[in-house]
Amino acid sequence: MTERRAVEQQIKGAQPCWKLFTTGSVGSQALLGLARLQGLRGRFGADVSVSPFQPATTPIVLAEIYPSMLGVDVAKPQGPDEIKDRAQVRVMAQAFAALDGNTIETMLGEGHPLEGWIPGLGFEDTLRKGLYTVPEPPKLTNDCFALPAGIQWTPVDDALALLETRLTPVTAVEDVVVTSAMGRVLAQDVAALRSNPPLPNTAVDGYGFAGGRGEGPHVMPLAEGRVAAGVRHMGAVPEGHAMRILTGAALPDGVDTVVLQEDVTVAAGQIAFNGPIKRGANTRKAGEDIEAAQVILSAGRHVTAADVALMAATGVDRVAVRQPLRVAVVSTGDELAEAGSTAQPGQIYDAVRPMLLGLIAQMGHVPVDMGRVADNRDALAACLDRAAAQADVVLTSGGASAGDEDHVSALLTDAGAMQMWRIAIKPGRPLALGLWEGTPVFGLPGNPVAALVCALVFAGARLWTVGGGRMAHTRKASKCLRPFPKVKNRGRREYLRARMVQGRVEIFKSEGSGRISGLSWAEGLAELPDGAATITPGDTVRYIPFSSFPS
């Protein structure tokens, strides 16, 4: 018998199966495992076969595998405490579990019936796909929007909390290179593959030596050579000597302190400088920024350019991200006409749909324009069918209340997946929530001002939830500039169009919900509390810039 099987000759670093000693020996493991394998065969009898010596037609197949085929992936631990053996089992199990039956059958059919074989050899890319492909997430249940019994009017905070608990991510996961992850939502925590910095290095151009120095003048002989970034100095700097070292260079042996070149005089193969200088001055410790295996980014994070730099610096080349959330927008109503067309008497131009499409794109999602639908239930049902097939979430405007022409709420009710949330908010109030063919539908008011407020406060925040992300905004408190006076009744939270002027909040001149000009004028919303309040000039209100949404 040859020292190496044909399969071992094809796998880099594979050890002969006869090797019983020294590092990397696998023969001892195989001998010790034979008894256990035979025990399994005895226990399960005809349900077990051994590949490739027997046809792999049984429910249980015993086959030899090499985790080293996916060694790069094994080297990416799930956490700082995962040992390599556990990582090998996890990676191989996940890779094979993602394969379909035909692919597994093909792999098990490879090899020599006397020498044996390693399933997966030559299929490494196929195996690797299973590590970064997550099955489609489960669909939302029909009762995900159901309110607890007895609730009639829902406070804003309670509504947001309920939606947070009822909604789950609906987007699939894909593996991308880090340079393509910008703007995407992380599907898994990301751990550093390498410390940053990987080795102790210098933060300045100067001269390195061992130990600090006290006050007064110091003269040191210069060792030959210099150390630059990217080139590791293999020798050691003799005790009592200094060496030229440039910013970012790894510290050679015998160096733990660097003196700035501006503080040094060089002559006759020596340097002179004045102390004191502390041990470790002007140097960086290995891993002082990030340690290997440390979680550097959490699942749900919206990847920024700085995040891309952090991942690249710690050796991360691929990450699992959510696919972009596709959001369909539908406008309903006979009264709507498209801008640029001739509006009939009694019609208005559709302002809500273009506004929502722009808002969705601004939030980082993919807008899907489904156009306008007249007050026709069959036409609306067909449009919702198309929207559910093309998008992950559907936003509708108009038809979300309980009137004769409110077809959105009627269709969702007929589908058995409708909930009318009467939210204690102004402007807004009715919010139709439901599922159409398993796709969540947010039925927004048809009034542009109310539609924007509800989209920002409710839909925008929860779009990030169903897209797998986590976002929060900082609400800025400031004093009002414009004297209202404003007397607010208890029971509903109010949002007023506002903007900042010289550090103070200014409120739009009219609260009329039909004044679309106020949306363009405003730069954010002033939030008034749920309870009764009398606002006078100089009082403090909460101001939320549009840029800080979704919440």
Protein backbone atom coordinates (compact mmCIF):
# COMPACT_ATOMS: atom_id res chain seq x y z
CA MET A 1 0.00 0.00 0.00
CA THR A 2 1.25 3.49 -0.82
CA GLU A 3 2.14 5.95 1.92
CA ARG A 4 -0.48 8.44 0.74
CA ARG A 5 -3.84 7.76 -0.77
CA ALA A 6 -4.82 9.58 -3.95
CA VAL A 7 -7.14 11.84 -1.98
CA GLU A 8 -4.36 12.81 0.45
CA GLN A 9 -2.16 13.83 -2.44
CA GLN A 10 -4.82 16.32 -3.55
CA ILE A 11 -5.41 18.05 -0.21
CA LYS A 12 -2.73 20.50 0.81
CA GLY A 13 -1.24 19.63 4.19
CA ALA A 14 -3.02 16.27 4.49
CA GLN A 15 -1.17 13.68 6.59
CA PRO A 16 -0.92 9.97 5.60
CA CYS A 17 -3.58 7.88 7.31
CA TRP A 18 -0.80 5.52 8.49
CA LYS A 19 0.96 8.21 10.50
CA LEU A 20 0.65 7.29 14.20
CA PHE A 21 2.91 9.86 15.87
CA THR A 22 4.04 13.51 16.00
CA THR A 23 2.03 16.64 15.26
CA GLY A 24 -0.69 16.22 12.65
CA SER A 25 -0.95 12.46 12.95
CA VAL A 26 -4.39 11.17 12.06
CA GLY A 27 -3.76 7.44 12.05
CA SER A 28 -4.04 7.21 15.83
CA GLN A 29 -7.37 8.99 15.76
CA ALA A 30 -8.60 6.67 13.04
CA LEU A 31 -7.55 3.54 14.95
CA LEU A 32 -9.20 4.76 18.13
CA GLY A 33 -12.37 5.65 16.23
CA LEU A 34 -12.74 2.30 14.48
CA ALA A 35 -14.26 0.63 17.51
CA ARG A 36 -16.80 3.41 17.91
CA LEU A 37 -17.72 3.28 14.22
CA GLN A 38 -18.18 -0.47 14.40
CA GLY A 39 -20.37 0.03 17.44
CA LEU A 40 -22.61 2.37 15.47
CA ARG A 41 -22.85 -0.14 12.66
CA GLY A 42 -23.85 -2.82 15.14
CA ARG A 43 -26.44 -0.60 16.77
CA PHE A 44 -28.15 0.64 13.61
CA GLY A 45 -27.58 -2.43 11.46
CA ALA A 46 -28.96 -2.19 7.94
CA ASP A 47 -29.59 1.56 8.33
CA VAL A 48 -25.85 2.30 8.17
CA SER A 49 -23.42 2.16 5.26
CA VAL A 50 -19.77 3.24 4.98
CA SER A 51 -18.85 5.45 2.03
CA PRO A 52 -17.30 4.84 -0.47
CA PHE A 53 -16.86 1.15 0.37
CA GLN A 54 -20.63 0.60 0.27
CA PRO A 55 -23.38 2.32 -1.75
CA ALA A 56 -24.64 5.36 0.17
CA THR A 57 -28.29 4.33 -0.02
CA THR A 58 -29.01 4.02 3.71
CA PRO A 59 -30.51 6.64 6.08
CA ILE A 60 -27.15 6.89 7.91
CA VAL A 61 -23.85 7.10 6.05
CA LEU A 62 -20.44 7.05 7.76
CA ALA A 63 -17.95 9.10 5.76
CA GLU A 64 -14.50 10.54 6.46
CA ILE A 65 -14.25 14.34 6.21
CA TYR A 66 -11.41 16.87 6.45
CA PRO A 67 -12.28 20.20 8.14
CA SER A 68 -9.03 21.56 6.69
CA MET A 69 -10.82 21.84 3.32
CA LEU A 70 -12.62 24.82 4.88
CA GLY A 71 -9.72 25.89 7.04
CA VAL A 72 -10.18 29.60 6.28
CA ASP A 73 -13.74 29.44 7.58
CA VAL A 74 -12.77 27.37 10.62
CA ALA A 75 -10.33 30.17 11.47
CA LYS A 76 -13.28 32.56 11.96
CA PRO A 77 -14.48 31.67 15.48
CA GLN A 78 -17.98 32.59 16.62
CA GLY A 79 -16.58 34.07 19.81
CA PRO A 80 -13.40 34.47 21.84
CA ASP A 81 -14.00 31.17 23.69
CA GLU A 82 -14.61 28.87 20.71
CA ILE A 83 -11.77 26.34 20.38
CA LYS A 84 -10.68 25.08 16.99
CA ASP A 85 -12.18 21.58 17.43
CA ARG A 86 -15.62 23.01 18.07
CA ALA A 87 -15.27 25.41 15.14
CA GLN A 88 -14.38 22.48 12.85
CA VAL A 89 -17.52 20.56 13.84
CA ARG A 90 -19.74 23.64 13.56
CA VAL A 91 -18.41 24.70 10.15
CA MET A 92 -18.57 21.25 8.57
CA ALA A 93 -22.02 20.50 9.98
CA GLN A 94 -23.38 23.82 8.72
CA ALA A 95 -21.79 23.38 5.30
CA PHE A 96 -23.15 19.86 4.73
CA ALA A 97 -26.57 20.66 6.23
CA ALA A 98 -27.15 23.32 3.56
CA LEU A 99 -26.61 20.88 0.67
CA ASP A 100 -29.44 19.30 -1.28
CA GLY A 101 -29.74 15.53 -1.56
CA ASN A 102 -28.47 15.30 -5.12
CA THR A 103 -25.28 17.18 -4.30
CA ILE A 104 -24.58 15.01 -1.26
CA GLU A 105 -25.22 11.88 -3.33
CA THR A 106 -22.72 13.10 -5.94
CA MET A 107 -20.09 13.78 -3.27
CA LEU A 108 -20.55 10.36 -1.68
CA GLY A 109 -20.24 8.70 -5.09
CA GLU A 110 -16.68 10.00 -5.50
CA GLY A 111 -13.59 7.98 -4.68
CA HIS A 112 -12.01 4.55 -4.76
CA PRO A 113 -13.84 1.57 -3.17
CA LEU A 114 -10.56 0.33 -1.62
CA GLU A 115 -8.63 3.49 -0.75
CA GLY A 116 -11.57 5.58 0.43
CA TRP A 117 -12.24 9.26 -0.22
CA ILE A 118 -12.99 12.59 1.43
CA PRO A 119 -16.49 13.81 0.45
CA GLY A 120 -16.46 17.45 -0.58
CA LEU A 121 -13.04 17.47 -2.22
CA GLY A 122 -13.43 19.59 -5.33
CA PHE A 123 -16.72 20.98 -3.99
CA GLU A 124 -15.19 23.47 -1.58
CA ASP A 125 -16.99 26.46 -3.10
CA THR A 126 -20.29 24.60 -2.91
CA LEU A 127 -19.69 23.72 0.74
CA ARG A 128 -18.67 27.28 1.54
CA LYS A 129 -21.94 28.68 0.18
CA GLY A 130 -23.78 26.84 2.92
CA LEU A 131 -21.85 28.75 5.56
CA TYR A 132 -23.11 32.11 4.36
CA THR A 133 -26.58 31.26 3.12
CA VAL A 134 -29.38 31.42 5.67
CA PRO A 135 -32.80 29.98 4.78
CA GLU A 136 -35.60 32.42 4.05
CA PRO A 137 -36.99 33.74 7.34
CA PRO A 138 -40.44 32.55 8.41
CA LYS A 139 -43.46 34.52 7.32
CA LEU A 140 -45.29 36.66 9.83
CA THR A 141 -48.39 35.14 11.40
CA ASN A 142 -51.86 36.53 10.75
CA ASP A 143 -52.22 37.69 14.35
CA CYS A 144 -48.92 39.59 14.50
CA PHE A 145 -50.79 42.92 14.57
CA ALA A 146 -53.52 41.84 17.00
CA LEU A 147 -53.95 44.21 19.91
CA PRO A 148 -54.41 42.91 23.46
CA ALA A 149 -58.04 42.52 24.50
CA GLY A 150 -59.75 45.69 25.67
CA ILE A 151 -57.40 48.17 24.00
CA GLN A 152 -59.24 50.90 22.06
CA TRP A 153 -56.87 53.86 21.80
CA THR A 154 -53.19 52.98 21.74
CA PRO A 155 -50.58 55.45 23.05
CA VAL A 156 -47.68 56.06 20.67
CA ASP A 157 -45.05 54.42 22.88
CA ASP A 158 -47.24 51.35 23.45
CA ALA A 159 -47.88 51.02 19.71
CA LEU A 160 -44.16 51.20 18.93
CA ALA A 161 -43.36 48.62 21.62
CA LEU A 162 -46.07 46.26 20.34
CA LEU A 163 -44.81 46.51 16.78
CA GLU A 164 -41.25 45.89 17.97
CA THR A 165 -42.26 42.62 19.64
CA ARG A 166 -44.64 41.44 16.90
CA LEU A 167 -42.46 42.06 13.84
CA THR A 168 -39.44 39.98 12.90
CA PRO A 169 -36.93 40.21 10.03
CA VAL A 170 -38.36 39.02 6.71
CA THR A 171 -35.33 39.57 4.47
CA ALA A 172 -32.95 36.78 3.47
CA VAL A 173 -29.24 36.74 4.28
CA GLU A 174 -26.37 36.73 1.81
CA ASP A 175 -22.59 36.71 2.06
CA VAL A 176 -20.75 39.66 0.53
CA VAL A 177 -17.23 41.01 0.45
CA VAL A 178 -16.65 43.76 2.98
CA THR A 179 -16.18 46.40 0.29
CA SER A 180 -19.77 45.71 -0.87
CA ALA A 181 -21.28 45.85 2.63
CA MET A 182 -21.57 49.65 2.77
CA GLY A 183 -25.14 50.66 3.65
CA ARG A 184 -26.26 47.07 4.31
CA VAL A 185 -27.58 45.60 7.57
CA LEU A 186 -25.40 43.04 9.33
CA ALA A 187 -27.16 39.68 9.80
CA GLN A 188 -24.63 38.35 12.31
CA ASP A 189 -22.14 39.70 14.79
CA VAL A 190 -18.72 40.34 13.26
CA ALA A 191 -15.60 39.27 15.15
CA ALA A 192 -12.07 40.48 14.46
CA LEU A 193 -9.87 37.89 12.78
CA ARG A 194 -6.72 39.73 13.78
CA SER A 195 -5.70 42.15 16.51
CA ASN A 196 -5.29 45.81 15.68
CA PRO A 197 -2.49 46.61 15.78
CA PRO A 198 -1.25 43.05 15.28
CA LEU A 199 2.16 43.83 16.83
CA PRO A 200 3.50 46.54 19.14
CA ASN A 201 4.47 49.49 16.95
CA THR A 202 5.60 53.08 17.03
CA ALA A 203 3.28 56.04 16.80
CA VAL A 204 5.96 58.47 15.61
CA ASP A 205 9.15 58.79 13.59
CA GLY A 206 12.07 58.57 15.97
CA TYR A 207 14.58 56.29 17.67
CA GLY A 208 13.69 53.20 19.64
CA PHE A 209 15.39 51.62 22.63
CA ALA A 210 14.56 49.65 25.75
CA GLY A 211 13.40 51.26 28.99
CA GLY A 212 12.65 54.82 29.99
CA ARG A 213 15.19 57.46 30.87
CA GLY A 214 15.32 59.92 33.73
CA GLU A 215 15.92 63.64 33.68
CA GLY A 216 19.00 65.10 32.08
CA PRO A 217 20.99 64.45 28.89
CA HIS A 218 21.40 60.95 27.45
CA VAL A 219 23.75 59.66 24.73
CA MET A 220 23.22 56.27 23.06
CA PRO A 221 25.04 54.49 20.22
CA LEU A 222 22.99 53.76 17.10
CA ALA A 223 22.52 50.17 15.98
CA GLU A 224 22.84 49.57 12.25
CA GLY A 225 19.76 49.66 10.04
CA ARG A 226 16.33 51.11 10.46
CA VAL A 227 12.79 49.78 10.88
CA ALA A 228 9.98 50.89 8.56
CA ALA A 229 6.29 50.04 8.44
CA GLY A 230 5.55 46.75 6.71
CA VAL A 231 9.01 45.26 7.25
CA ARG A 232 9.65 43.25 10.40
CA HIS A 233 13.16 43.65 11.78
CA MET A 234 14.34 40.13 12.53
CA GLY A 235 17.26 40.92 14.80
CA ALA A 236 17.33 42.41 18.28
CA VAL A 237 18.53 45.89 19.19
CA PRO A 238 21.48 45.49 21.61
CA GLU A 239 20.92 46.68 25.15
CA GLY A 240 21.87 50.33 25.58
CA HIS A 241 21.59 50.97 21.81
CA ALA A 242 18.95 52.81 19.81
CA MET A 243 17.67 52.21 16.28
CA ARG A 244 16.02 54.46 13.73
CA ILE A 245 12.29 53.60 13.52
CA LEU A 246 9.49 55.09 11.41
CA THR A 247 5.79 55.62 12.17
CA GLY A 248 3.75 52.42 12.12
CA ALA A 249 6.75 50.09 12.18
CA ALA A 250 6.58 47.01 14.41
CA LEU A 251 8.89 47.32 17.40
CA PRO A 252 11.92 45.04 17.07
CA ASP A 253 13.11 42.94 19.99
CA GLY A 254 14.91 45.13 22.46
CA VAL A 255 12.70 48.18 21.86
CA ASP A 256 9.77 49.30 23.98
CA THR A 257 10.22 53.09 23.95
CA VAL A 258 10.56 55.65 21.14
CA VAL A 259 11.87 59.20 21.39
CA LEU A 260 10.66 61.74 18.84
CA GLN A 261 13.15 62.54 16.08
CA GLU A 262 12.54 66.27 16.73
CA ASP A 263 13.93 65.79 20.24
CA VAL A 264 17.11 64.02 19.10
CA THR A 265 20.51 65.14 17.85
CA VAL A 266 22.34 62.64 15.62
CA ALA A 267 26.12 62.70 15.16
CA ALA A 268 29.01 60.25 14.87
CA GLY A 269 26.80 57.17 15.07
CA GLN A 270 25.14 58.32 18.29
CA ILE A 271 21.96 60.06 19.39
CA ALA A 272 21.60 62.59 22.18
CA PHE A 273 18.39 63.76 23.85
CA ASN A 274 17.14 65.16 27.14
CA GLY A 275 14.99 63.17 29.52
CA PRO A 276 12.76 62.35 31.14
CA ILE A 277 10.97 59.84 28.90
CA LYS A 278 8.74 57.08 30.25
CA ARG A 279 9.03 53.42 29.28
CA GLY A 280 6.55 52.77 26.44
CA ALA A 281 6.44 56.38 25.29
CA ASN A 282 5.22 56.95 21.71
CA THR A 283 4.37 53.27 21.17
CA ARG A 284 1.18 51.28 20.73
CA LYS A 285 0.56 47.91 22.34
CA ALA A 286 -0.54 44.92 20.25
CA GLY A 287 -4.32 44.73 20.31
CA GLU A 288 -4.74 47.96 22.23
CA ASP A 289 -7.45 48.96 19.77
CA ILE A 290 -9.06 45.59 18.96
CA GLU A 291 -8.12 42.06 20.08
CA ALA A 292 -8.48 39.03 17.84
CA ALA A 293 -11.89 37.28 18.20
CA GLN A 294 -13.40 40.40 19.78
CA VAL A 295 -16.89 41.25 18.50
CA ILE A 296 -16.42 44.52 16.67
CA LEU A 297 -19.87 45.01 15.11
CA SER A 298 -23.27 43.68 16.21
CA ALA A 299 -26.01 42.13 14.12
CA GLY A 300 -28.55 44.70 13.00
CA ARG A 301 -26.03 47.46 12.49
CA HIS A 302 -26.29 49.64 9.41
CA VAL A 303 -22.77 49.42 7.95
CA THR A 304 -20.94 52.73 7.57
CA ALA A 305 -17.70 53.59 5.78
CA ALA A 306 -15.95 53.59 9.16
CA ASP A 307 -17.29 50.07 9.82
CA VAL A 308 -15.84 48.91 6.51
CA ALA A 309 -12.45 50.28 7.58
CA LEU A 310 -12.70 48.53 10.96
CA MET A 311 -13.51 45.16 9.39
CA ALA A 312 -10.75 45.46 6.82
CA ALA A 313 -8.21 46.46 9.48
CA THR A 314 -9.01 43.35 11.52
CA GLY A 315 -8.76 40.95 8.58
CA VAL A 316 -12.49 40.44 7.93
CA ASP A 317 -13.02 39.98 4.19
CA ARG A 318 -16.61 38.70 4.03
CA VAL A 319 -19.71 39.33 6.13
CA ALA A 320 -23.30 38.11 6.28
CA VAL A 321 -25.75 40.91 5.51
CA ARG A 322 -29.48 41.21 5.02
CA GLN A 323 -30.73 41.62 1.50
CA PRO A 324 -32.07 45.15 0.95
CA LEU A 325 -35.65 45.59 2.11
CA ARG A 326 -38.03 46.11 -0.82
CA VAL A 327 -40.91 48.43 0.05
CA ALA A 328 -43.86 48.80 -2.32
CA VAL A 329 -45.91 52.01 -2.30
CA VAL A 330 -49.53 52.22 -3.46
CA SER A 331 -51.76 55.32 -3.61
CA THR A 332 -55.52 54.83 -3.60
CA GLY A 333 -58.43 57.12 -4.46
CA ASP A 334 -60.48 58.38 -7.42
CA GLU A 335 -59.53 61.92 -6.44
CA LEU A 336 -55.85 61.46 -7.33
CA ALA A 337 -54.13 62.46 -10.56
CA GLU A 338 -50.51 62.12 -11.59
CA ALA A 339 -48.41 65.28 -11.57
CA GLY A 340 -47.96 66.40 -15.18
CA SER A 341 -51.36 65.10 -16.27
CA THR A 342 -54.56 67.12 -16.60
CA ALA A 343 -56.42 66.95 -13.33
CA GLN A 344 -60.19 66.80 -13.59
CA PRO A 345 -62.41 69.07 -11.51
CA GLY A 346 -62.40 67.69 -7.97
CA GLN A 347 -59.08 65.88 -8.40
CA ILE A 348 -55.78 66.61 -6.69
CA TYR A 349 -52.27 65.62 -7.65
CA ASP A 350 -50.84 62.61 -5.84
CA ALA A 351 -48.22 63.99 -3.43
CA VAL A 352 -48.06 61.12 -0.93
CA ARG A 353 -46.69 58.37 -3.19
CA PRO A 354 -43.70 60.39 -4.49
CA MET A 355 -43.01 61.52 -0.93
CA LEU A 356 -43.02 57.97 0.45
CA LEU A 357 -40.89 56.62 -2.41
CA GLY A 358 -38.29 59.28 -1.71
CA LEU A 359 -38.43 58.66 2.03
CA ILE A 360 -37.91 54.92 1.55
CA ALA A 361 -34.87 55.49 -0.66
CA GLN A 362 -33.50 58.01 1.84
CA MET A 363 -33.79 55.38 4.59
CA GLY A 364 -31.66 52.97 2.57
CA HIS A 365 -34.42 50.63 1.38
CA VAL A 366 -35.44 49.78 -2.19
CA PRO A 367 -38.64 51.60 -3.22
CA VAL A 368 -41.05 49.75 -5.51
CA ASP A 369 -43.55 52.08 -7.21
CA MET A 370 -46.91 50.33 -7.68
CA GLY A 371 -48.65 53.45 -8.97
CA ARG A 372 -52.14 54.71 -8.23
CA VAL A 373 -55.30 52.63 -7.89
CA ALA A 374 -58.84 53.98 -8.20
CA ASP A 375 -61.53 53.25 -5.64
CA ASN A 376 -62.15 49.80 -7.07
CA ARG A 377 -61.79 46.82 -4.78
CA ASP A 378 -60.89 44.29 -7.48
CA ALA A 379 -58.24 46.59 -8.98
CA LEU A 380 -56.76 47.22 -5.54
CA ALA A 381 -56.68 43.48 -4.77
CA ALA A 382 -54.81 42.82 -8.02
CA CYS A 383 -52.35 45.62 -7.20
CA LEU A 384 -51.74 44.20 -3.73
CA ASP A 385 -51.10 40.80 -5.29
CA ARG A 386 -48.40 42.30 -7.50
CA ALA A 387 -46.94 44.29 -4.61
CA ALA A 388 -46.74 41.25 -2.33
CA ALA A 389 -44.94 39.33 -5.08
CA GLN A 390 -42.38 42.08 -5.66
CA ALA A 391 -41.75 43.50 -2.20
CA ASP A 392 -41.18 42.57 1.43
CA VAL A 393 -43.46 45.30 2.83
CA VAL A 394 -46.33 47.31 1.35
CA LEU A 395 -47.22 50.90 2.24
CA THR A 396 -50.60 52.20 1.12
CA SER A 397 -51.99 55.70 1.44
CA GLY A 398 -55.70 56.37 1.74
CA GLY A 399 -58.54 53.91 2.22
CA ALA A 400 -57.28 52.85 5.63
CA SER A 401 -60.25 53.92 7.76
CA ALA A 402 -63.74 52.43 7.97
CA GLY A 403 -65.71 54.40 5.35
CA ASP A 404 -67.54 53.17 2.27
CA GLU A 405 -64.54 53.82 0.02
CA ASP A 406 -61.86 52.61 2.43
CA HIS A 407 -61.00 49.54 0.38
CA VAL A 408 -57.57 48.86 1.90
CA SER A 409 -59.03 48.11 5.33
CA ALA A 410 -61.95 46.23 3.75
CA LEU A 411 -59.67 43.93 1.73
CA LEU A 412 -57.42 43.21 4.69
CA THR A 413 -60.50 42.44 6.78
CA ASP A 414 -61.81 40.04 4.13
CA ALA A 415 -58.40 38.35 4.10
CA GLY A 416 -58.71 37.72 7.83
CA ALA A 417 -55.52 39.61 8.64
CA MET A 418 -56.64 43.15 9.42
CA GLN A 419 -56.17 45.21 12.55
CA MET A 420 -57.31 48.81 12.85
CA TRP A 421 -55.08 50.57 15.34
CA ARG A 422 -56.60 53.76 16.69
CA ILE A 423 -53.44 55.46 17.78
CA ALA A 424 -53.50 58.44 20.10
CA ILE A 425 -51.61 60.68 17.71
CA LYS A 426 -52.22 63.95 15.88
CA PRO A 427 -52.09 64.15 12.91
CA GLY A 428 -52.94 60.58 11.97
CA ARG A 429 -55.04 58.42 14.24
CA PRO A 430 -56.19 55.42 12.11
CA LEU A 431 -53.46 52.98 11.06
CA ALA A 432 -54.53 49.86 9.17
CA LEU A 433 -52.14 46.98 9.73
CA GLY A 434 -52.39 43.54 8.20
CA LEU A 435 -50.93 40.86 5.97
CA TRP A 436 -51.58 40.31 2.28
CA GLU A 437 -50.28 36.98 0.99
CA GLY A 438 -47.97 36.90 4.02
CA THR A 439 -46.57 40.37 3.31
CA PRO A 440 -47.02 43.06 5.99
CA VAL A 441 -49.13 46.04 4.91
CA PHE A 442 -49.05 49.45 6.58
CA GLY A 443 -52.19 51.38 5.66
CA LEU A 444 -51.31 55.06 6.09
CA PRO A 445 -53.66 58.05 6.02
CA GLY A 446 -54.18 59.73 2.65
CA ASN A 447 -53.46 63.21 3.97
CA PRO A 448 -49.82 64.07 3.13
CA VAL A 449 -49.03 65.60 6.52
CA ALA A 450 -50.57 62.71 8.46
CA ALA A 451 -49.01 60.19 6.07
CA LEU A 452 -45.52 61.60 6.63
CA VAL A 453 -45.90 61.73 10.42
CA CYS A 454 -47.18 58.14 10.60
CA ALA A 455 -44.54 56.96 8.13
CA LEU A 456 -41.76 58.54 10.18
CA VAL A 457 -43.00 57.56 13.62
CA PHE A 458 -44.39 54.08 12.90
CA ALA A 459 -43.66 52.62 9.48
CA GLY A 460 -40.12 53.98 9.23
CA ALA A 461 -39.08 52.61 12.58
CA ARG A 462 -40.53 49.18 11.94
CA LEU A 463 -39.23 48.93 8.39
CA TRP A 464 -35.82 48.61 9.98
CA THR A 465 -37.18 45.82 12.20
CA VAL A 466 -38.50 43.73 9.28
CA GLY A 467 -35.29 44.53 7.39
CA GLY A 468 -33.20 43.05 10.21
CA GLY A 469 -31.78 46.35 11.45
CA ARG A 470 -31.74 48.23 14.71
CA MET A 471 -31.86 51.99 14.67
CA ALA A 472 -32.40 54.72 17.24
CA HIS A 473 -32.52 58.46 17.13
CA THR A 474 -31.59 61.14 19.63
CA ARG A 475 -34.43 63.48 20.41
CA LYS A 476 -33.14 66.99 20.90
CA ALA A 477 -34.85 69.24 23.43
CA SER A 478 -34.89 72.99 22.77
CA LYS A 479 -36.93 76.06 23.60
CA CYS A 480 -39.69 77.37 21.34
CA LEU A 481 -39.06 80.57 19.46
CA ARG A 482 -42.53 81.30 18.08
CA PRO A 483 -45.20 82.23 20.67
CA PHE A 484 -48.12 79.88 20.14
CA PRO A 485 -49.92 80.19 22.50
CA LYS A 486 -50.82 76.51 22.36
CA VAL A 487 -53.32 74.77 24.60
CA LYS A 488 -53.17 71.02 24.11
CA ASN A 489 -55.85 68.62 25.29
CA ARG A 490 -54.93 65.37 26.99
CA GLY A 491 -55.15 62.00 25.26
CA ARG A 492 -53.13 62.35 22.06
CA ARG A 493 -49.47 62.98 21.33
CA GLU A 494 -49.07 65.79 18.82
CA TYR A 495 -46.39 66.39 16.22
CA LEU A 496 -45.96 69.90 14.84
CA ARG A 497 -43.93 70.86 11.81
CA ALA A 498 -40.85 72.68 13.08
CA ARG A 499 -37.29 73.74 12.39
CA MET A 500 -34.32 75.08 14.33
CA VAL A 501 -33.53 78.80 14.15
CA GLN A 502 -30.50 80.04 16.06
CA GLY A 503 -30.68 77.19 18.54
CA ARG A 504 -34.41 77.46 19.16
CA VAL A 505 -37.41 75.60 17.75
CA GLU A 506 -39.74 77.50 15.42
CA ILE A 507 -43.21 76.11 14.68
CA PHE A 508 -44.96 76.37 11.31
CA LYS A 509 -47.56 79.14 11.21
CA SER A 510 -50.49 76.77 10.71
CA GLU A 511 -51.39 73.37 12.14
CA GLY A 512 -53.70 72.59 9.21
CA SER A 513 -53.00 69.07 8.00
CA GLY A 514 -53.64 70.10 4.42
CA ARG A 515 -50.82 72.66 4.38
CA ILE A 516 -48.23 70.65 2.43
CA SER A 517 -45.97 73.69 2.22
CA GLY A 518 -45.31 73.22 5.92
CA LEU A 519 -43.64 69.87 5.22
CA SER A 520 -41.15 71.49 2.87
CA TRP A 521 -40.67 74.43 5.26
CA ALA A 522 -40.02 72.16 8.24
CA GLU A 523 -36.74 70.41 9.09
CA GLY A 524 -38.22 68.20 11.78
CA LEU A 525 -41.11 67.68 14.19
CA ALA A 526 -41.85 69.20 17.58
CA GLU A 527 -43.31 66.55 19.85
CA LEU A 528 -45.90 67.50 22.45
CA PRO A 529 -46.59 64.97 25.27
CA ASP A 530 -49.66 62.75 25.61
CA GLY A 531 -51.13 64.69 28.50
CA ALA A 532 -52.71 68.13 28.58
CA ALA A 533 -50.31 71.03 28.23
CA THR A 534 -50.21 74.79 27.80
CA ILE A 535 -47.22 75.89 25.74
CA THR A 536 -45.97 79.44 26.06
CA PRO A 537 -42.96 81.16 24.50
CA GLY A 538 -39.77 79.94 26.13
CA ASP A 539 -41.19 76.55 27.19
CA THR A 540 -39.16 73.46 26.33
CA VAL A 541 -40.46 70.96 23.78
CA ARG A 542 -38.90 67.91 22.16
CA TYR A 543 -37.57 68.52 18.67
CA ILE A 544 -36.82 65.57 16.35
CA PRO A 545 -34.93 66.41 13.13
CA PHE A 546 -36.13 64.56 10.04
CA SER A 547 -32.58 63.25 9.65
CA SER A 548 -32.84 61.36 12.94
CA PHE A 549 -35.75 59.19 11.82
CA PRO A 550 -36.51 56.29 11.77
CA SER A 551 -36.78 55.88 15.53
